[in-house]
Amino acid sequence: MAKLTINGKDYDLDGLSENAKAQLASLQFADAEIQRLNAQLAVFNTARNAYLKGLLADLEQGEVVKPKKPARASAKVKKQ
């Protein structure tokens, strides 16, 4: 007999209604997605920290290039 424990109370899985089984499946899916997204977040935080470290290293070495002024757009108007 498989059981489900929620808030310290045990429930027999075989005795769950179809609606309760659907709710449980949705809960399990949501938990799995949260776990997957947390793993992705950890990867992106690691990448962000590496980019920040690289940027700070460049800034400390004076690797900053001053931006060029944008070229002015010119428009010629033809008189008729």
Protein backbone atom coordinates (compact mmCIF):
# COMPACT_ATOMS: atom_id res chain seq x y z
CA MET A 1 0.00 0.00 0.00
CA ALA A 2 1.54 3.26 -1.18
CA LYS A 3 0.91 6.27 0.96
CA LEU A 4 1.12 10.02 0.69
CA THR A 5 2.05 12.11 3.73
CA ILE A 6 0.96 15.76 3.86
CA ASN A 7 1.22 17.89 7.00
CA GLY A 8 1.97 14.78 9.05
CA LYS A 9 -1.14 12.95 7.90
CA ASP A 10 -0.97 9.76 5.81
CA TYR A 11 -3.26 9.10 2.85
CA ASP A 12 -3.65 5.83 0.94
CA LEU A 13 -2.81 6.57 -2.72
CA ASP A 14 -5.16 3.86 -3.94
CA GLY A 15 -8.02 5.51 -2.09
CA LEU A 16 -7.61 8.94 -3.72
CA SER A 17 -10.35 10.26 -5.95
CA GLU A 18 -9.57 10.92 -9.62
CA ASN A 19 -9.60 14.65 -8.86
CA ALA A 20 -7.15 14.18 -5.96
CA LYS A 21 -4.88 12.09 -8.22
CA ALA A 22 -4.95 14.86 -10.85
CA GLN A 23 -4.13 17.45 -8.19
CA LEU A 24 -1.24 15.29 -6.96
CA ALA A 25 0.11 14.90 -10.50
CA SER A 26 -0.07 18.67 -10.99
CA LEU A 27 1.69 19.23 -7.67
CA GLN A 28 4.45 16.81 -8.63
CA PHE A 29 4.84 18.51 -12.02
CA ALA A 30 5.04 21.95 -10.38
CA ASP A 31 7.65 20.70 -7.90
CA ALA A 32 9.74 19.21 -10.72
CA GLU A 33 9.56 22.48 -12.70
CA ILE A 34 10.58 24.51 -9.65
CA GLN A 35 13.55 22.19 -9.18
CA ARG A 36 14.49 22.51 -12.87
CA LEU A 37 14.19 26.31 -12.80
CA ASN A 38 16.25 26.53 -9.61
CA ALA A 39 18.99 24.53 -11.35
CA GLN A 40 18.85 26.91 -14.33
CA LEU A 41 18.97 29.89 -11.99
CA ALA A 42 22.11 28.48 -10.38
CA VAL A 43 23.73 28.16 -13.83
CA PHE A 44 22.83 31.71 -14.81
CA ASN A 45 24.01 33.11 -11.48
CA THR A 46 27.33 31.34 -11.96
CA ALA A 47 27.63 32.75 -15.49
CA ARG A 48 26.68 36.24 -14.29
CA ASN A 49 29.34 36.13 -11.58
CA ALA A 50 31.96 35.06 -14.14
CA TYR A 51 30.98 37.92 -16.49
CA LEU A 52 31.12 40.39 -13.62
CA LYS A 53 34.53 39.10 -12.58
CA GLY A 54 35.81 39.48 -16.15
CA LEU A 55 34.38 42.98 -16.44
CA LEU A 56 35.95 44.08 -13.18
CA ALA A 57 39.31 42.65 -14.26
CA ASP A 58 39.13 44.64 -17.51
CA LEU A 59 38.13 47.80 -15.67
CA GLU A 60 41.01 47.43 -13.19
CA GLN A 61 43.49 46.98 -16.05
CA GLY A 62 42.29 50.15 -17.75
CA GLU A 63 40.80 48.25 -20.65
CA VAL A 64 37.94 50.69 -20.93
CA VAL A 65 37.58 52.23 -24.37
CA LYS A 66 35.91 55.61 -24.49
CA PRO A 67 32.89 55.54 -26.75
CA LYS A 68 33.06 57.45 -29.98
CA LYS A 69 30.59 60.22 -30.56
CA PRO A 70 27.90 59.05 -32.94
CA ALA A 71 28.15 60.48 -36.43
CA ARG A 72 25.58 63.13 -37.13
CA ALA A 73 23.03 62.16 -39.66
CA SER A 74 22.73 64.61 -42.47
CA ALA A 75 19.78 65.03 -44.72
CA LYS A 76 19.89 66.89 -47.99
CA VAL A 77 16.74 68.51 -49.20
CA LYS A 78 16.39 68.92 -52.91
CA LYS A 79 14.69 72.09 -53.99
CA GLN A 80 12.51 71.78 -57.03
